[in-house]
Amino acid sequence: MSRLRKRRGAFTLLELLMVVIIVAILAAIALPQYLTFTERTRPAEIQMLMASIRDAELAYKASDPSAVYTTDFTKLPYDFTANAGAAVTELKTPNWEPIKVDTALQDVTAKRNNVGGVLLLMDLGSGLICTSDNTIYKGYPNSTATGCP
């Protein structure tokens, strides 16, 4: 009997295969949920940057009564460009296409670089943020809604 117990000390191939199958099923369920969650949090990173750009644009406009918004980030009072020297009209971020300021429309535009080009728009005057796809980024009004840039 003691010889039989020593033999049963290891797992069988079938038991290991069942554990691998269970882990694979759990991963197949959890991974899409995780990716959806991380994609919904992406606007938070860019929203803070857009709010900083808006604050800098308002400070720039307030510093000179004849000034309007600028597309040159080197003219803004905050250091967005890390001493770039030349005029910088776009801010590069890892998960978004370059952020741009449109002085004619008076808004800041950020476009997601891998989710079908979903846009986030912030009105410089009101600070309202709208999106071109509110099914992905819930909580933001659609860019065609009233009051959106």
C-alpha atoms as a PDB file:
ATOM      1  CA  MET A   1       0.000   0.000   0.000  1.00  0.00           C
ATOM      2  CA  SER A   2       2.828   2.456   0.750  1.00  0.00           C
ATOM      3  CA  ARG A   3       4.274   1.794  -2.710  1.00  0.00           C
ATOM      4  CA  LEU A   4       0.945   2.815  -4.278  1.00  0.00           C
ATOM      5  CA  ARG A   5       0.851   6.108  -2.370  1.00  0.00           C
ATOM      6  CA  LYS A   6       4.317   7.098  -3.527  1.00  0.00           C
ATOM      7  CA  ARG A   7       3.288   6.517  -7.113  1.00  0.00           C
ATOM      8  CA  ARG A   8       0.246   8.815  -6.855  1.00  0.00           C
ATOM      9  CA  GLY A   9       2.311  11.795  -5.670  1.00  0.00           C
ATOM     10  CA  ALA A  10       2.360  13.444  -9.140  1.00  0.00           C
ATOM     11  CA  PHE A  11      -0.379  14.854 -11.357  1.00  0.00           C
ATOM     12  CA  THR A  12      -1.515  12.921 -14.365  1.00  0.00           C
ATOM     13  CA  LEU A  13      -1.373  14.343 -17.848  1.00  0.00           C
ATOM     14  CA  LEU A  14      -5.164  14.474 -17.948  1.00  0.00           C
ATOM     15  CA  GLU A  15      -5.334  16.558 -14.747  1.00  0.00           C
ATOM     16  CA  LEU A  16      -2.776  19.030 -16.099  1.00  0.00           C
ATOM     17  CA  LEU A  17      -4.656  19.243 -19.387  1.00  0.00           C
ATOM     18  CA  MET A  18      -7.887  20.051 -17.559  1.00  0.00           C
ATOM     19  CA  VAL A  19      -6.193  22.850 -15.602  1.00  0.00           C
ATOM     20  CA  VAL A  20      -4.772  24.321 -18.820  1.00  0.00           C
ATOM     21  CA  ILE A  21      -8.218  24.201 -20.447  1.00  0.00           C
ATOM     22  CA  ILE A  22      -9.854  25.913 -17.456  1.00  0.00           C
ATOM     23  CA  VAL A  23      -7.201  28.666 -17.428  1.00  0.00           C
ATOM     24  CA  ALA A  24      -7.626  29.158 -21.185  1.00  0.00           C
ATOM     25  CA  ILE A  25     -11.407  29.523 -20.806  1.00  0.00           C
ATOM     26  CA  LEU A  26     -10.986  32.063 -18.003  1.00  0.00           C
ATOM     27  CA  ALA A  27      -8.455  34.005 -20.079  1.00  0.00           C
ATOM     28  CA  ALA A  28     -10.792  33.995 -23.088  1.00  0.00           C
ATOM     29  CA  ILE A  29     -13.502  35.550 -20.925  1.00  0.00           C
ATOM     30  CA  ALA A  30     -11.322  38.007 -19.017  1.00  0.00           C
ATOM     31  CA  LEU A  31      -9.066  39.355 -21.798  1.00  0.00           C
ATOM     32  CA  PRO A  32     -11.795  41.064 -23.879  1.00  0.00           C
ATOM     33  CA  GLN A  33     -13.233  42.586 -20.711  1.00  0.00           C
ATOM     34  CA  TYR A  34      -9.807  43.903 -19.735  1.00  0.00           C
ATOM     35  CA  LEU A  35      -9.157  45.369 -23.190  1.00  0.00           C
ATOM     36  CA  THR A  36     -12.568  47.064 -23.206  1.00  0.00           C
ATOM     37  CA  PHE A  37     -11.917  48.515 -19.760  1.00  0.00           C
ATOM     38  CA  THR A  38      -8.481  49.854 -20.697  1.00  0.00           C
ATOM     39  CA  GLU A  39      -9.852  51.417 -23.878  1.00  0.00           C
ATOM     40  CA  ARG A  40     -12.580  53.207 -21.908  1.00  0.00           C
ATOM     41  CA  THR A  41      -9.912  54.700 -19.624  1.00  0.00           C
ATOM     42  CA  ARG A  42      -7.842  56.143 -22.495  1.00  0.00           C
ATOM     43  CA  PRO A  43      -9.782  59.441 -22.591  1.00  0.00           C
ATOM     44  CA  ALA A  44      -8.760  60.184 -19.002  1.00  0.00           C
ATOM     45  CA  GLU A  45      -5.102  60.469 -19.978  1.00  0.00           C
ATOM     46  CA  ILE A  46      -5.807  62.785 -22.885  1.00  0.00           C
ATOM     47  CA  GLN A  47      -8.504  64.756 -21.047  1.00  0.00           C
ATOM     48  CA  MET A  48      -5.927  65.965 -18.506  1.00  0.00           C
ATOM     49  CA  LEU A  49      -3.572  67.042 -21.288  1.00  0.00           C
ATOM     50  CA  MET A  50      -6.377  68.795 -23.183  1.00  0.00           C
ATOM     51  CA  ALA A  51      -7.426  70.604 -19.997  1.00  0.00           C
ATOM     52  CA  SER A  52      -3.831  71.776 -19.490  1.00  0.00           C
ATOM     53  CA  ILE A  53      -3.710  73.013 -23.082  1.00  0.00           C
ATOM     54  CA  ARG A  54      -7.004  74.852 -22.550  1.00  0.00           C
ATOM     55  CA  ASP A  55      -5.682  76.496 -19.363  1.00  0.00           C
ATOM     56  CA  ALA A  56      -2.512  77.546 -21.168  1.00  0.00           C
ATOM     57  CA  GLU A  57      -4.488  78.893 -24.121  1.00  0.00           C
ATOM     58  CA  LEU A  58      -6.744  80.918 -21.798  1.00  0.00           C
ATOM     59  CA  ALA A  59      -3.687  82.312 -19.985  1.00  0.00           C
ATOM     60  CA  TYR A  60      -2.071  83.171 -23.332  1.00  0.00           C
ATOM     61  CA  LYS A  61      -5.227  84.922 -24.513  1.00  0.00           C
ATOM     62  CA  ALA A  62      -5.587  86.810 -21.218  1.00  0.00           C
ATOM     63  CA  SER A  63      -1.974  88.020 -21.266  1.00  0.00           C
ATOM     64  CA  ASP A  64      -2.601  90.201 -24.309  1.00  0.00           C
ATOM     65  CA  PRO A  65      -6.063  91.685 -24.947  1.00  0.00           C
ATOM     66  CA  SER A  66      -5.496  91.622 -28.702  1.00  0.00           C
ATOM     67  CA  ALA A  67      -4.287  88.011 -28.694  1.00  0.00           C
ATOM     68  CA  VAL A  68      -6.365  85.088 -29.806  1.00  0.00           C
ATOM     69  CA  TYR A  69      -5.669  81.408 -29.328  1.00  0.00           C
ATOM     70  CA  THR A  70      -2.400  80.128 -30.794  1.00  0.00           C
ATOM     71  CA  THR A  71      -1.485  76.926 -32.593  1.00  0.00           C
ATOM     72  CA  ASP A  72       2.163  77.295 -31.538  1.00  0.00           C
ATOM     73  CA  PHE A  73       2.684  75.378 -28.294  1.00  0.00           C
ATOM     74  CA  THR A  74       6.025  77.133 -27.679  1.00  0.00           C
ATOM     75  CA  LYS A  75       4.172  80.439 -27.120  1.00  0.00           C
ATOM     76  CA  LEU A  76       2.061  79.013 -24.315  1.00  0.00           C
ATOM     77  CA  PRO A  77       3.031  79.723 -20.692  1.00  0.00           C
ATOM     78  CA  TYR A  78       3.362  76.014 -19.851  1.00  0.00           C
ATOM     79  CA  ASP A  79       6.274  73.973 -21.154  1.00  0.00           C
ATOM     80  CA  PHE A  80       4.564  71.396 -23.375  1.00  0.00           C
ATOM     81  CA  THR A  81       7.428  71.054 -25.824  1.00  0.00           C
ATOM     82  CA  ALA A  82      10.459  70.627 -23.511  1.00  0.00           C
ATOM     83  CA  ASN A  83      12.410  73.566 -24.995  1.00  0.00           C
ATOM     84  CA  ALA A  84      11.863  72.604 -28.627  1.00  0.00           C
ATOM     85  CA  GLY A  85      13.010  76.006 -29.882  1.00  0.00           C
ATOM     86  CA  ALA A  86      11.139  76.053 -33.208  1.00  0.00           C
ATOM     87  CA  ALA A  87       7.395  76.458 -33.541  1.00  0.00           C
ATOM     88  CA  VAL A  88       5.530  73.327 -32.491  1.00  0.00           C
ATOM     89  CA  THR A  89       1.964  72.970 -33.746  1.00  0.00           C
ATOM     90  CA  GLU A  90       1.347  69.377 -32.617  1.00  0.00           C
ATOM     91  CA  LEU A  91       1.853  67.479 -29.370  1.00  0.00           C
ATOM     92  CA  LYS A  92       2.755  63.831 -29.758  1.00  0.00           C
ATOM     93  CA  THR A  93       1.411  61.245 -27.313  1.00  0.00           C
ATOM     94  CA  PRO A  94       1.896  57.464 -27.244  1.00  0.00           C
ATOM     95  CA  ASN A  95      -1.738  56.379 -27.655  1.00  0.00           C
ATOM     96  CA  TRP A  96      -3.130  59.267 -29.685  1.00  0.00           C
ATOM     97  CA  GLU A  97      -2.308  60.953 -32.948  1.00  0.00           C
ATOM     98  CA  PRO A  98      -0.741  64.405 -32.500  1.00  0.00           C
ATOM     99  CA  ILE A  99      -2.961  66.832 -30.608  1.00  0.00           C
ATOM    100  CA  LYS A 100      -3.756  70.019 -32.499  1.00  0.00           C
ATOM    101  CA  VAL A 101      -5.354  73.364 -31.680  1.00  0.00           C
ATOM    102  CA  ASP A 102      -7.687  74.824 -34.289  1.00  0.00           C
ATOM    103  CA  THR A 103      -7.850  78.581 -33.782  1.00  0.00           C
ATOM    104  CA  ALA A 104     -10.655  79.032 -36.320  1.00  0.00           C
ATOM    105  CA  LEU A 105     -12.961  76.556 -34.567  1.00  0.00           C
ATOM    106  CA  GLN A 106     -11.441  77.360 -31.161  1.00  0.00           C
ATOM    107  CA  ASP A 107     -11.047  73.743 -30.144  1.00  0.00           C
ATOM    108  CA  VAL A 108      -8.435  71.119 -29.310  1.00  0.00           C
ATOM    109  CA  THR A 109      -8.570  67.866 -31.274  1.00  0.00           C
ATOM    110  CA  ALA A 110      -7.210  64.461 -30.295  1.00  0.00           C
ATOM    111  CA  LYS A 111      -7.672  61.382 -32.476  1.00  0.00           C
ATOM    112  CA  ARG A 112      -7.201  57.820 -31.201  1.00  0.00           C
ATOM    113  CA  ASN A 113      -4.627  56.056 -33.344  1.00  0.00           C
ATOM    114  CA  ASN A 114      -5.911  52.478 -33.261  1.00  0.00           C
ATOM    115  CA  VAL A 115      -9.661  52.474 -32.660  1.00  0.00           C
ATOM    116  CA  GLY A 116     -10.932  53.559 -36.035  1.00  0.00           C
ATOM    117  CA  GLY A 117      -9.851  57.139 -35.490  1.00  0.00           C
ATOM    118  CA  VAL A 118     -12.247  58.066 -32.685  1.00  0.00           C
ATOM    119  CA  LEU A 119     -12.033  61.814 -32.057  1.00  0.00           C
ATOM    120  CA  LEU A 120     -12.151  63.744 -28.825  1.00  0.00           C
ATOM    121  CA  LEU A 121     -12.839  67.457 -29.204  1.00  0.00           C
ATOM    122  CA  MET A 122     -12.558  70.076 -26.467  1.00  0.00           C
ATOM    123  CA  ASP A 123     -14.048  73.530 -26.869  1.00  0.00           C
ATOM    124  CA  LEU A 124     -11.471  76.070 -25.651  1.00  0.00           C
ATOM    125  CA  GLY A 125     -14.112  78.482 -24.429  1.00  0.00           C
ATOM    126  CA  SER A 126     -16.375  76.181 -22.438  1.00  0.00           C
ATOM    127  CA  GLY A 127     -14.105  73.188 -21.797  1.00  0.00           C
ATOM    128  CA  LEU A 128     -16.795  70.799 -23.050  1.00  0.00           C
ATOM    129  CA  ILE A 129     -15.388  67.519 -24.410  1.00  0.00           C
ATOM    130  CA  CYS A 130     -17.263  65.627 -27.114  1.00  0.00           C
ATOM    131  CA  THR A 131     -16.491  62.436 -29.006  1.00  0.00           C
ATOM    132  CA  SER A 132     -17.194  61.105 -32.459  1.00  0.00           C
ATOM    133  CA  ASP A 133     -18.124  57.687 -31.027  1.00  0.00           C
ATOM    134  CA  ASN A 134     -19.920  57.692 -27.676  1.00  0.00           C
ATOM    135  CA  THR A 135     -20.427  53.920 -27.730  1.00  0.00           C
ATOM    136  CA  ILE A 136     -16.709  53.417 -27.072  1.00  0.00           C
ATOM    137  CA  TYR A 137     -16.210  56.479 -24.880  1.00  0.00           C
ATOM    138  CA  LYS A 138     -19.333  56.522 -22.765  1.00  0.00           C
ATOM    139  CA  GLY A 139     -20.137  59.641 -20.807  1.00  0.00           C
ATOM    140  CA  TYR A 140     -19.050  62.091 -23.502  1.00  0.00           C
ATOM    141  CA  PRO A 141     -21.710  63.676 -25.711  1.00  0.00           C
ATOM    142  CA  ASN A 142     -21.599  62.965 -29.426  1.00  0.00           C
ATOM    143  CA  SER A 143     -19.739  65.590 -31.445  1.00  0.00           C
ATOM    144  CA  THR A 144     -22.926  66.285 -33.423  1.00  0.00           C
ATOM    145  CA  ALA A 145     -24.805  67.258 -30.242  1.00  0.00           C
ATOM    146  CA  THR A 146     -25.749  70.845 -29.483  1.00  0.00           C
ATOM    147  CA  GLY A 147     -22.922  72.802 -27.857  1.00  0.00           C
ATOM    148  CA  CYS A 148     -20.178  70.490 -29.075  1.00  0.00           C
ATOM    149  CA  PRO A 149     -17.334  71.918 -31.125  1.00  0.00           C
END
